[in-house]
Amino acid sequence: MDEIERQIEELREKIRYHNYRYYVLNDPEISDAEYDRLFRQLVELEQAHPELITPDSPTQRVGAQPQEAFAQITHRQPMLSLENAFSSQELFDFDARLKRYLNRSSPIEYT
């Protein structure tokens, strides 16, 4: 196993561990920002080496099994994500995508 493969596998294991801590145990050990940093590292490595992407990679999954303690609800408006924006430019890009989605040119107030 070469260095890149080792890095990818280590990141996958860390992310799986932290997914379990967060989604199953409801007891995270790291901040959301640290988790996002790990996930982004994995995404970037897999994009640079697509031949190393596997079906069980955390990047190939959407979410985790929800806890049964949470009730299912329907939102009146769609819950749109910031998609892990890490810079001002990424926030501006999100705002532009949201305005296109809403077919709106006026400013949007965020909370």
PDB file of N, CA and C in Angstrom:
ATOM      1  N   MET A   1       0.858  -1.177   0.000  1.00  0.00           N
ATOM      2  CA  MET A   1       0.000   0.000   0.000  1.00  0.00           C
ATOM      3  C   MET A   1       0.901   1.235   0.000  1.00  0.00           C
ATOM      4  N   ASP A   2       0.665   2.129  -0.944  1.00  0.00           N
ATOM      5  CA  ASP A   2       1.500   3.328  -0.993  1.00  0.00           C
ATOM      6  C   ASP A   2       0.978   4.394  -0.026  1.00  0.00           C
ATOM      7  N   GLU A   3       1.705   5.482   0.051  1.00  0.00           N
ATOM      8  CA  GLU A   3       1.406   6.547   1.014  1.00  0.00           C
ATOM      9  C   GLU A   3       0.014   7.147   0.812  1.00  0.00           C
ATOM     10  N   ILE A   4      -0.383   7.392  -0.421  1.00  0.00           N
ATOM     11  CA  ILE A   4      -1.703   7.982  -0.703  1.00  0.00           C
ATOM     12  C   ILE A   4      -2.809   7.025  -0.267  1.00  0.00           C
ATOM     13  N   GLU A   5      -2.672   5.759  -0.608  1.00  0.00           N
ATOM     14  CA  GLU A   5      -3.667   4.762  -0.195  1.00  0.00           C
ATOM     15  C   GLU A   5      -3.770   4.697   1.324  1.00  0.00           C
ATOM     16  N   ARG A   6      -2.629   4.756   1.998  1.00  0.00           N
ATOM     17  CA  ARG A   6      -2.618   4.722   3.461  1.00  0.00           C
ATOM     18  C   ARG A   6      -3.336   5.940   4.031  1.00  0.00           C
ATOM     19  N   GLN A   7      -3.065   7.125   3.479  1.00  0.00           N
ATOM     20  CA  GLN A   7      -3.728   8.353   3.938  1.00  0.00           C
ATOM     21  C   GLN A   7      -5.236   8.256   3.757  1.00  0.00           C
ATOM     22  N   ILE A   8      -5.648   7.787   2.594  1.00  0.00           N
ATOM     23  CA  ILE A   8      -7.079   7.666   2.307  1.00  0.00           C
ATOM     24  C   ILE A   8      -7.742   6.712   3.292  1.00  0.00           C
ATOM     25  N   GLU A   9      -7.132   5.566   3.522  1.00  0.00           N
ATOM     26  CA  GLU A   9      -7.729   4.590   4.437  1.00  0.00           C
ATOM     27  C   GLU A   9      -7.772   5.116   5.867  1.00  0.00           C
ATOM     28  N   GLU A  10      -6.738   5.821   6.299  1.00  0.00           N
ATOM     29  CA  GLU A  10      -6.745   6.416   7.642  1.00  0.00           C
ATOM     30  C   GLU A  10      -7.866   7.441   7.783  1.00  0.00           C
ATOM     31  N   LEU A  11      -8.032   8.279   6.769  1.00  0.00           N
ATOM     32  CA  LEU A  11      -9.105   9.274   6.809  1.00  0.00           C
ATOM     33  C   LEU A  11     -10.471   8.595   6.838  1.00  0.00           C
ATOM     34  N   ARG A  12     -10.654   7.565   6.055  1.00  0.00           N
ATOM     35  CA  ARG A  12     -11.929   6.842   6.051  1.00  0.00           C
ATOM     36  C   ARG A  12     -12.233   6.273   7.428  1.00  0.00           C
ATOM     37  N   GLU A  13     -11.239   5.668   8.046  1.00  0.00           N
ATOM     38  CA  GLU A  13     -11.447   5.087   9.375  1.00  0.00           C
ATOM     39  C   GLU A  13     -11.773   6.166  10.407  1.00  0.00           C
ATOM     40  N   LYS A  14     -11.053   7.270  10.366  1.00  0.00           N
ATOM     41  CA  LYS A  14     -11.337   8.368  11.296  1.00  0.00           C
ATOM     42  C   LYS A  14     -12.754   8.896  11.100  1.00  0.00           C
ATOM     43  N   ILE A  15     -13.142   9.095   9.859  1.00  0.00           N
ATOM     44  CA  ILE A  15     -14.474   9.632   9.565  1.00  0.00           C
ATOM     45  C   ILE A  15     -15.552   8.648   9.998  1.00  0.00           C
ATOM     46  N   ARG A  16     -15.368   7.364   9.745  1.00  0.00           N
ATOM     47  CA  ARG A  16     -16.344   6.356  10.195  1.00  0.00           C
ATOM     48  C   ARG A  16     -16.474   6.379  11.716  1.00  0.00           C
ATOM     49  N   TYR A  17     -15.347   6.459  12.393  1.00  0.00           N
ATOM     50  CA  TYR A  17     -15.350   6.517  13.857  1.00  0.00           C
ATOM     51  C   TYR A  17     -16.135   7.736  14.337  1.00  0.00           C
ATOM     52  N   HIS A  18     -15.837   8.889  13.761  1.00  0.00           N
ATOM     53  CA  HIS A  18     -16.510  10.113  14.200  1.00  0.00           C
ATOM     54  C   HIS A  18     -17.977  10.134  13.777  1.00  0.00           C
ATOM     55  N   ASN A  19     -18.326   9.506  12.666  1.00  0.00           N
ATOM     56  CA  ASN A  19     -19.739   9.358  12.301  1.00  0.00           C
ATOM     57  C   ASN A  19     -20.479   8.564  13.374  1.00  0.00           C
ATOM     58  N   TYR A  20     -19.873   7.475  13.818  1.00  0.00           N
ATOM     59  CA  TYR A  20     -20.486   6.640  14.855  1.00  0.00           C
ATOM     60  C   TYR A  20     -20.657   7.433  16.149  1.00  0.00           C
ATOM     61  N   ARG A  21     -19.603   8.133  16.539  1.00  0.00           N
ATOM     62  CA  ARG A  21     -19.687   8.938  17.776  1.00  0.00           C
ATOM     63  C   ARG A  21     -20.802   9.978  17.672  1.00  0.00           C
ATOM     64  N   TYR A  22     -20.928  10.601  16.530  1.00  0.00           N
ATOM     65  CA  TYR A  22     -21.886  11.694  16.338  1.00  0.00           C
ATOM     66  C   TYR A  22     -23.311  11.178  16.137  1.00  0.00           C
ATOM     67  N   TYR A  23     -23.491  10.265  15.178  1.00  0.00           N
ATOM     68  CA  TYR A  23     -24.836   9.852  14.787  1.00  0.00           C
ATOM     69  C   TYR A  23     -25.440   8.769  15.670  1.00  0.00           C
ATOM     70  N   VAL A  24     -24.633   7.852  16.157  1.00  0.00           N
ATOM     71  CA  VAL A  24     -25.167   6.739  16.941  1.00  0.00           C
ATOM     72  C   VAL A  24     -25.114   7.034  18.432  1.00  0.00           C
ATOM     73  N   LEU A  25     -23.952   7.467  18.912  1.00  0.00           N
ATOM     74  CA  LEU A  25     -23.796   7.715  20.344  1.00  0.00           C
ATOM     75  C   LEU A  25     -24.231   9.113  20.766  1.00  0.00           C
ATOM     76  N   ASN A  26     -24.391  10.012  19.800  1.00  0.00           N
ATOM     77  CA  ASN A  26     -24.710  11.415  20.102  1.00  0.00           C
ATOM     78  C   ASN A  26     -23.686  11.984  21.090  1.00  0.00           C
ATOM     79  N   ASP A  27     -22.411  11.659  20.849  1.00  0.00           N
ATOM     80  CA  ASP A  27     -21.327  12.057  21.745  1.00  0.00           C
ATOM     81  C   ASP A  27     -20.067  12.368  20.923  1.00  0.00           C
ATOM     82  N   PRO A  28     -20.101  13.450  20.146  1.00  0.00           N
ATOM     83  CA  PRO A  28     -18.942  13.753  19.291  1.00  0.00           C
ATOM     84  C   PRO A  28     -17.693  14.083  20.101  1.00  0.00           C
ATOM     85  N   GLU A  29     -16.560  13.726  19.534  1.00  0.00           N
ATOM     86  CA  GLU A  29     -15.266  14.023  20.161  1.00  0.00           C
ATOM     87  C   GLU A  29     -14.556  15.196  19.510  1.00  0.00           C
ATOM     88  N   ILE A  30     -14.967  15.553  18.304  1.00  0.00           N
ATOM     89  CA  ILE A  30     -14.318  16.657  17.598  1.00  0.00           C
ATOM     90  C   ILE A  30     -15.381  17.665  17.161  1.00  0.00           C
ATOM     91  N   SER A  31     -14.928  18.860  16.852  1.00  0.00           N
ATOM     92  CA  SER A  31     -15.846  19.910  16.400  1.00  0.00           C
ATOM     93  C   SER A  31     -16.320  19.617  14.979  1.00  0.00           C
ATOM     94  N   ASP A  32     -17.417  20.254  14.598  1.00  0.00           N
ATOM     95  CA  ASP A  32     -17.902  20.122  13.224  1.00  0.00           C
ATOM     96  C   ASP A  32     -16.845  20.600  12.233  1.00  0.00           C
ATOM     97  N   ALA A  33     -16.143  21.669  12.586  1.00  0.00           N
ATOM     98  CA  ALA A  33     -15.112  22.208  11.692  1.00  0.00           C
ATOM     99  C   ALA A  33     -13.984  21.195  11.482  1.00  0.00           C
ATOM    100  N   GLU A  34     -13.582  20.504  12.544  1.00  0.00           N
ATOM    101  CA  GLU A  34     -12.526  19.497  12.418  1.00  0.00           C
ATOM    102  C   GLU A  34     -13.013  18.316  11.572  1.00  0.00           C
ATOM    103  N   TYR A  35     -14.248  17.892  11.784  1.00  0.00           N
ATOM    104  CA  TYR A  35     -14.824  16.816  10.974  1.00  0.00           C
ATOM    105  C   TYR A  35     -14.847  17.227   9.501  1.00  0.00           C
ATOM    106  N   ASP A  36     -15.324  18.440   9.247  1.00  0.00           N
ATOM    107  CA  ASP A  36     -15.391  18.936   7.870  1.00  0.00           C
ATOM    108  C   ASP A  36     -14.009  18.985   7.230  1.00  0.00           C
ATOM    109  N   ARG A  37     -12.987  19.335   8.012  1.00  0.00           N
ATOM    110  CA  ARG A  37     -11.615  19.365   7.497  1.00  0.00           C
ATOM    111  C   ARG A  37     -11.170  17.957   7.083  1.00  0.00           C
ATOM    112  N   LEU A  38     -11.438  16.966   7.930  1.00  0.00           N
ATOM    113  CA  LEU A  38     -11.085  15.580   7.603  1.00  0.00           C
ATOM    114  C   LEU A  38     -11.821  15.115   6.342  1.00  0.00           C
ATOM    115  N   PHE A  39     -13.110  15.413   6.280  1.00  0.00           N
ATOM    116  CA  PHE A  39     -13.921  14.982   5.140  1.00  0.00           C
ATOM    117  C   PHE A  39     -13.438  15.636   3.854  1.00  0.00           C
ATOM    118  N   ARG A  40     -13.146  16.921   3.942  1.00  0.00           N
ATOM    119  CA  ARG A  40     -12.672  17.629   2.747  1.00  0.00           C
ATOM    120  C   ARG A  40     -11.324  17.054   2.284  1.00  0.00           C
ATOM    121  N   GLN A  41     -10.447  16.722   3.225  1.00  0.00           N
ATOM    122  CA  GLN A  41      -9.165  16.096   2.856  1.00  0.00           C
ATOM    123  C   GLN A  41      -9.409  14.816   2.065  1.00  0.00           C
ATOM    124  N   LEU A  42     -10.346  14.001   2.559  1.00  0.00           N
ATOM    125  CA  LEU A  42     -10.651  12.744   1.877  1.00  0.00           C
ATOM    126  C   LEU A  42     -11.220  13.004   0.486  1.00  0.00           C
ATOM    127  N   VAL A  43     -12.141  13.940   0.375  1.00  0.00           N
ATOM    128  CA  VAL A  43     -12.724  14.279  -0.929  1.00  0.00           C
ATOM    129  C   VAL A  43     -11.627  14.694  -1.902  1.00  0.00           C
ATOM    130  N   GLU A  44     -10.730  15.559  -1.455  1.00  0.00           N
ATOM    131  CA  GLU A  44      -9.662  16.047  -2.337  1.00  0.00           C
ATOM    132  C   GLU A  44      -8.729  14.921  -2.775  1.00  0.00           C
ATOM    133  N   LEU A  45      -8.381  14.025  -1.842  1.00  0.00           N
ATOM    134  CA  LEU A  45      -7.518  12.898  -2.205  1.00  0.00           C
ATOM    135  C   LEU A  45      -8.220  11.965  -3.189  1.00  0.00           C
ATOM    136  N   GLU A  46      -9.499  11.699  -2.961  1.00  0.00           N
ATOM    137  CA  GLU A  46     -10.226  10.817  -3.873  1.00  0.00           C
ATOM    138  C   GLU A  46     -10.431  11.469  -5.241  1.00  0.00           C
ATOM    139  N   GLN A  47     -10.619  12.774  -5.273  1.00  0.00           N
ATOM    140  CA  GLN A  47     -10.740  13.456  -6.565  1.00  0.00           C
ATOM    141  C   GLN A  47      -9.426  13.390  -7.337  1.00  0.00           C
ATOM    142  N   ALA A  48      -8.318  13.498  -6.620  1.00  0.00           N
ATOM    143  CA  ALA A  48      -7.005  13.428  -7.262  1.00  0.00           C
ATOM    144  C   ALA A  48      -6.656  11.997  -7.682  1.00  0.00           C
ATOM    145  N   HIS A  49      -7.278  11.006  -7.018  1.00  0.00           N
ATOM    146  CA  HIS A  49      -6.996   9.589  -7.291  1.00  0.00           C
ATOM    147  C   HIS A  49      -8.311   8.813  -7.379  1.00  0.00           C
ATOM    148  N   PRO A  50      -9.117   9.068  -8.404  1.00  0.00           N
ATOM    149  CA  PRO A  50     -10.439   8.427  -8.487  1.00  0.00           C
ATOM    150  C   PRO A  50     -10.388   6.901  -8.546  1.00  0.00           C
ATOM    151  N   GLU A  51      -9.273   6.367  -8.956  1.00  0.00           N
ATOM    152  CA  GLU A  51      -9.137   4.907  -8.995  1.00  0.00           C
ATOM    153  C   GLU A  51      -9.146   4.297  -7.593  1.00  0.00           C
ATOM    154  N   LEU A  52      -8.963   5.131  -6.560  1.00  0.00           N
ATOM    155  CA  LEU A  52      -8.946   4.645  -5.180  1.00  0.00           C
ATOM    156  C   LEU A  52     -10.294   4.808  -4.470  1.00  0.00           C
ATOM    157  N   ILE A  53     -11.294   5.350  -5.165  1.00  0.00           N
ATOM    158  CA  ILE A  53     -12.627   5.493  -4.569  1.00  0.00           C
ATOM    159  C   ILE A  53     -13.259   4.108  -4.463  1.00  0.00           C
ATOM    160  N   THR A  54     -13.817   3.816  -3.301  1.00  0.00           N
ATOM    161  CA  THR A  54     -14.496   2.540  -3.078  1.00  0.00           C
ATOM    162  C   THR A  54     -15.949   2.804  -2.688  1.00  0.00           C
ATOM    163  N   PRO A  55     -16.840   1.847  -2.935  1.00  0.00           N
ATOM    164  CA  PRO A  55     -18.257   2.052  -2.609  1.00  0.00           C
ATOM    165  C   PRO A  55     -18.518   2.298  -1.124  1.00  0.00           C
ATOM    166  N   ASP A  56     -17.630   1.798  -0.261  1.00  0.00           N
ATOM    167  CA  ASP A  56     -17.851   1.974   1.176  1.00  0.00           C
ATOM    168  C   ASP A  56     -17.196   3.236   1.739  1.00  0.00           C
ATOM    169  N   SER A  57     -16.618   4.053   0.886  1.00  0.00           N
ATOM    170  CA  SER A  57     -16.009   5.299   1.360  1.00  0.00           C
ATOM    171  C   SER A  57     -17.089   6.226   1.913  1.00  0.00           C
ATOM    172  N   PRO A  58     -16.800   6.943   2.996  1.00  0.00           N
ATOM    173  CA  PRO A  58     -17.768   7.909   3.529  1.00  0.00           C
ATOM    174  C   PRO A  58     -18.192   8.959   2.504  1.00  0.00           C
ATOM    175  N   THR A  59     -17.353   9.216   1.503  1.00  0.00           N
ATOM    176  CA  THR A  59     -17.718  10.201   0.478  1.00  0.00           C
ATOM    177  C   THR A  59     -18.801   9.669  -0.457  1.00  0.00           C
ATOM    178  N   GLN A  60     -19.030   8.363  -0.444  1.00  0.00           N
ATOM    179  CA  GLN A  60     -20.012   7.752  -1.331  1.00  0.00           C
ATOM    180  C   GLN A  60     -21.342   7.482  -0.634  1.00  0.00           C
ATOM    181  N   ARG A  61     -21.460   7.949   0.594  1.00  0.00           N
ATOM    182  CA  ARG A  61     -22.681   7.741   1.378  1.00  0.00           C
ATOM    183  C   ARG A  61     -23.349   9.072   1.651  1.00  0.00           C
ATOM    184  N   VAL A  62     -24.635   9.028   1.901  1.00  0.00           N
ATOM    185  CA  VAL A  62     -25.375  10.227   2.280  1.00  0.00           C
ATOM    186  C   VAL A  62     -25.898  10.010   3.684  1.00  0.00           C
ATOM    187  N   GLY A  63     -25.355  10.775   4.645  1.00  0.00           N
ATOM    188  CA  GLY A  63     -25.852  10.723   6.017  1.00  0.00           C
ATOM    189  C   GLY A  63     -25.553   9.417   6.711  1.00  0.00           C
ATOM    190  N   ALA A  64     -26.275   9.207   7.791  1.00  0.00           N
ATOM    191  CA  ALA A  64     -26.134   8.003   8.597  1.00  0.00           C
ATOM    192  C   ALA A  64     -27.527   7.573   9.023  1.00  0.00           C
ATOM    193  N   GLN A  65     -27.614   6.402   9.609  1.00  0.00           N
ATOM    194  CA  GLN A  65     -28.893   5.921  10.103  1.00  0.00           C
ATOM    195  C   GLN A  65     -29.402   6.877  11.180  1.00  0.00           C
ATOM    196  N   PRO A  66     -30.606   7.447  11.017  1.00  0.00           N
ATOM    197  CA  PRO A  66     -31.105   8.378  12.035  1.00  0.00           C
ATOM    198  C   PRO A  66     -31.442   7.657  13.331  1.00  0.00           C
ATOM    199  N   GLN A  67     -31.286   8.357  14.417  1.00  0.00           N
ATOM    200  CA  GLN A  67     -31.651   7.801  15.712  1.00  0.00           C
ATOM    201  C   GLN A  67     -33.166   7.703  15.798  1.00  0.00           C
ATOM    202  N   GLU A  68     -33.654   6.653  16.420  1.00  0.00           N
ATOM    203  CA  GLU A  68     -35.095   6.480  16.553  1.00  0.00           C
ATOM    204  C   GLU A  68     -35.702   7.503  17.499  1.00  0.00           C
ATOM    205  N   ALA A  69     -34.888   8.137  18.332  1.00  0.00           N
ATOM    206  CA  ALA A  69     -35.393   9.126  19.283  1.00  0.00           C
ATOM    207  C   ALA A  69     -35.894  10.382  18.581  1.00  0.00           C
ATOM    208  N   PHE A  70     -35.493  10.592  17.331  1.00  0.00           N
ATOM    209  CA  PHE A  70     -35.908  11.788  16.608  1.00  0.00           C
ATOM    210  C   PHE A  70     -37.200  11.528  15.847  1.00  0.00           C
ATOM    211  N   ALA A  71     -38.157  12.431  16.012  1.00  0.00           N
ATOM    212  CA  ALA A  71     -39.411  12.337  15.274  1.00  0.00           C
ATOM    213  C   ALA A  71     -39.202  12.858  13.859  1.00  0.00           C
ATOM    214  N   GLN A  72     -39.908  12.271  12.911  1.00  0.00           N
ATOM    215  CA  GLN A  72     -39.817  12.734  11.531  1.00  0.00           C
ATOM    216  C   GLN A  72     -40.747  13.929  11.360  1.00  0.00           C
ATOM    217  N   ILE A  73     -40.233  14.985  10.723  1.00  0.00           N
ATOM    218  CA  ILE A  73     -41.045  16.172  10.486  1.00  0.00           C
ATOM    219  C   ILE A  73     -40.936  16.575   9.024  1.00  0.00           C
ATOM    220  N   THR A  74     -41.908  17.356   8.586  1.00  0.00           N
ATOM    221  CA  THR A  74     -41.878  17.912   7.238  1.00  0.00           C
ATOM    222  C   THR A  74     -41.703  19.413   7.363  1.00  0.00           C
ATOM    223  N   HIS A  75     -40.701  19.956   6.712  1.00  0.00           N
ATOM    224  CA  HIS A  75     -40.441  21.393   6.761  1.00  0.00           C
ATOM    225  C   HIS A  75     -41.327  22.115   5.755  1.00  0.00           C
ATOM    226  N   ARG A  76     -41.814  23.293   6.140  1.00  0.00           N
ATOM    227  CA  ARG A  76     -42.621  24.098   5.214  1.00  0.00           C
ATOM    228  C   ARG A  76     -41.777  24.566   4.035  1.00  0.00           C
ATOM    229  N   GLN A  77     -40.536  24.885   4.310  1.00  0.00           N
ATOM    230  CA  GLN A  77     -39.589  25.314   3.284  1.00  0.00           C
ATOM    231  C   GLN A  77     -38.450  24.301   3.248  1.00  0.00           C
ATOM    232  N   PRO A  78     -37.867  24.077   2.086  1.00  0.00           N
ATOM    233  CA  PRO A  78     -36.748  23.129   2.032  1.00  0.00           C
ATOM    234  C   PRO A  78     -35.585  23.606   2.899  1.00  0.00           C
ATOM    235  N   MET A  79     -34.949  22.675   3.571  1.00  0.00           N
ATOM    236  CA  MET A  79     -33.779  22.977   4.390  1.00  0.00           C
ATOM    237  C   MET A  79     -32.551  22.884   3.489  1.00  0.00           C
ATOM    238  N   LEU A  80     -32.016  24.030   3.103  1.00  0.00           N
ATOM    239  CA  LEU A  80     -30.871  24.071   2.200  1.00  0.00           C
ATOM    240  C   LEU A  80     -29.595  24.228   3.010  1.00  0.00           C
ATOM    241  N   SER A  81     -28.556  23.585   2.585  1.00  0.00           N
ATOM    242  CA  SER A  81     -27.303  23.536   3.325  1.00  0.00           C
ATOM    243  C   SER A  81     -26.301  24.559   2.818  1.00  0.00           C
ATOM    244  N   LEU A  82     -25.426  25.003   3.724  1.00  0.00           N
ATOM    245  CA  LEU A  82     -24.305  25.846   3.321  1.00  0.00           C
ATOM    246  C   LEU A  82     -23.225  25.020   2.634  1.00  0.00           C
ATOM    247  N   GLU A  83     -23.395  23.714   2.621  1.00  0.00           N
ATOM    248  CA  GLU A  83     -22.459  22.816   1.956  1.00  0.00           C
ATOM    249  C   GLU A  83     -21.033  22.987   2.463  1.00  0.00           C
ATOM    250  N   ASN A  84     -20.901  23.199   3.757  1.00  0.00           N
ATOM    251  CA  ASN A  84     -19.577  23.301   4.365  1.00  0.00           C
ATOM    252  C   ASN A  84     -18.725  24.400   3.750  1.00  0.00           C
ATOM    253  N   ALA A  85     -19.253  25.595   3.722  1.00  0.00           N
ATOM    254  CA  ALA A  85     -18.499  26.739   3.203  1.00  0.00           C
ATOM    255  C   ALA A  85     -17.370  27.076   4.172  1.00  0.00           C
ATOM    256  N   PHE A  86     -16.160  27.195   3.638  1.00  0.00           N
ATOM    257  CA  PHE A  86     -14.988  27.470   4.465  1.00  0.00           C
ATOM    258  C   PHE A  86     -14.367  28.826   4.181  1.00  0.00           C
ATOM    259  N   SER A  87     -14.898  29.554   3.222  1.00  0.00           N
ATOM    260  CA  SER A  87     -14.319  30.853   2.887  1.00  0.00           C
ATOM    261  C   SER A  87     -15.437  31.810   2.501  1.00  0.00           C
ATOM    262  N   SER A  88     -15.107  33.085   2.459  1.00  0.00           N
ATOM    263  CA  SER A  88     -16.085  34.087   2.033  1.00  0.00           C
ATOM    264  C   SER A  88     -16.570  33.792   0.624  1.00  0.00           C
ATOM    265  N   GLN A  89     -15.654  33.400  -0.254  1.00  0.00           N
ATOM    266  CA  GLN A  89     -16.038  33.107  -1.636  1.00  0.00           C
ATOM    267  C   GLN A  89     -17.044  31.967  -1.696  1.00  0.00           C
ATOM    268  N   GLU A  90     -16.837  30.929  -0.895  1.00  0.00           N
ATOM    269  CA  GLU A  90     -17.775  29.808  -0.890  1.00  0.00           C
ATOM    270  C   GLU A  90     -19.144  30.241  -0.370  1.00  0.00           C
ATOM    271  N   LEU A  91     -19.179  31.179   0.587  1.00  0.00           N
ATOM    272  CA  LEU A  91     -20.462  31.713   1.060  1.00  0.00           C
ATOM    273  C   LEU A  91     -21.152  32.522  -0.032  1.00  0.00           C
ATOM    274  N   PHE A  92     -20.392  33.350  -0.745  1.00  0.00           N
ATOM    275  CA  PHE A  92     -20.962  34.121  -1.856  1.00  0.00           C
ATOM    276  C   PHE A  92     -21.502  33.183  -2.939  1.00  0.00           C
ATOM    277  N   ASP A  93     -20.762  32.111  -3.220  1.00  0.00           N
ATOM    278  CA  ASP A  93     -21.207  31.137  -4.218  1.00  0.00           C
ATOM    279  C   ASP A  93     -22.504  30.458  -3.774  1.00  0.00           C
ATOM    280  N   PHE A  94     -22.590  30.110  -2.483  1.00  0.00           N
ATOM    281  CA  PHE A  94     -23.811  29.511  -1.945  1.00  0.00           C
ATOM    282  C   PHE A  94     -24.987  30.467  -2.110  1.00  0.00           C
ATOM    283  N   ASP A  95     -24.771  31.743  -1.767  1.00  0.00           N
ATOM    284  CA  ASP A  95     -25.819  32.754  -1.890  1.00  0.00           C
ATOM    285  C   ASP A  95     -26.299  32.848  -3.344  1.00  0.00           C
ATOM    286  N   ALA A  96     -25.375  32.828  -4.274  1.00  0.00           N
ATOM    287  CA  ALA A  96     -25.737  32.908  -5.695  1.00  0.00           C
ATOM    288  C   ALA A  96     -26.547  31.679  -6.124  1.00  0.00           C
ATOM    289  N   ARG A  97     -26.130  30.476  -5.686  1.00  0.00           N
ATOM    290  CA  ARG A  97     -26.877  29.258  -6.027  1.00  0.00           C
ATOM    291  C   ARG A  97     -28.285  29.300  -5.437  1.00  0.00           C
ATOM    292  N   LEU A  98     -28.388  29.772  -4.198  1.00  0.00           N
ATOM    293  CA  LEU A  98     -29.686  29.846  -3.542  1.00  0.00           C
ATOM    294  C   LEU A  98     -30.610  30.826  -4.262  1.00  0.00           C
ATOM    295  N   LYS A  99     -30.069  31.970  -4.656  1.00  0.00           N
ATOM    296  CA  LYS A  99     -30.879  32.952  -5.390  1.00  0.00           C
ATOM    297  C   LYS A  99     -31.353  32.379  -6.726  1.00  0.00           C
ATOM    298  N   ARG A 100     -30.484  31.635  -7.408  1.00  0.00           N
ATOM    299  CA  ARG A 100     -30.906  30.994  -8.661  1.00  0.00           C
ATOM    300  C   ARG A 100     -32.013  29.973  -8.388  1.00  0.00           C
ATOM    301  N   TYR A 101     -31.831  29.181  -7.336  1.00  0.00           N
ATOM    302  CA  TYR A 101     -32.814  28.157  -6.979  1.00  0.00           C
ATOM    303  C   TYR A 101     -34.164  28.788  -6.658  1.00  0.00           C
ATOM    304  N   LEU A 102     -34.129  29.908  -5.943  1.00  0.00           N
ATOM    305  CA  LEU A 102     -35.362  30.598  -5.548  1.00  0.00           C
ATOM    306  C   LEU A 102     -35.862  31.569  -6.609  1.00  0.00           C
ATOM    307  N   ASN A 103     -35.104  31.699  -7.697  1.00  0.00           N
ATOM    308  CA  ASN A 103     -35.432  32.656  -8.754  1.00  0.00           C
ATOM    309  C   ASN A 103     -35.621  34.050  -8.145  1.00  0.00           C
ATOM    310  N   ARG A 104     -34.608  34.486  -7.428  1.00  0.00           N
ATOM    311  CA  ARG A 104     -34.683  35.727  -6.663  1.00  0.00           C
ATOM    312  C   ARG A 104     -33.394  36.516  -6.851  1.00  0.00           C
ATOM    313  N   SER A 105     -33.516  37.837  -6.993  1.00  0.00           N
ATOM    314  CA  SER A 105     -32.324  38.674  -7.127  1.00  0.00           C
ATOM    315  C   SER A 105     -32.122  39.577  -5.915  1.00  0.00           C
ATOM    316  N   SER A 106     -33.143  39.737  -5.090  1.00  0.00           N
ATOM    317  CA  SER A 106     -33.021  40.603  -3.911  1.00  0.00           C
ATOM    318  C   SER A 106     -32.218  39.902  -2.819  1.00  0.00           C
ATOM    319  N   PRO A 107     -31.642  40.675  -1.890  1.00  0.00           N
ATOM    320  CA  PRO A 107     -30.831  40.083  -0.823  1.00  0.00           C
ATOM    321  C   PRO A 107     -31.628  39.086   0.022  1.00  0.00           C
ATOM    322  N   ILE A 108     -30.942  38.089   0.508  1.00  0.00           N
ATOM    323  CA  ILE A 108     -31.535  37.077   1.384  1.00  0.00           C
ATOM    324  C   ILE A 108     -30.983  37.297   2.780  1.00  0.00           C
ATOM    325  N   GLU A 109     -31.861  37.259   3.765  1.00  0.00           N
ATOM    326  CA  GLU A 109     -31.425  37.405   5.156  1.00  0.00           C
ATOM    327  C   GLU A 109     -31.188  36.014   5.733  1.00  0.00           C
ATOM    328  N   TYR A 110     -29.994  35.795   6.248  1.00  0.00           N
ATOM    329  CA  TYR A 110     -29.629  34.506   6.833  1.00  0.00           C
ATOM    330  C   TYR A 110     -29.618  34.617   8.348  1.00  0.00           C
ATOM    331  N   THR A 111     -29.967  33.520   9.016  1.00  0.00           N
ATOM    332  CA  THR A 111     -29.934  33.497  10.483  1.00  0.00           C
ATOM    333  C   THR A 111     -29.049  32.392  10.967  1.00  0.00           C
TER     334      THR A 111
END
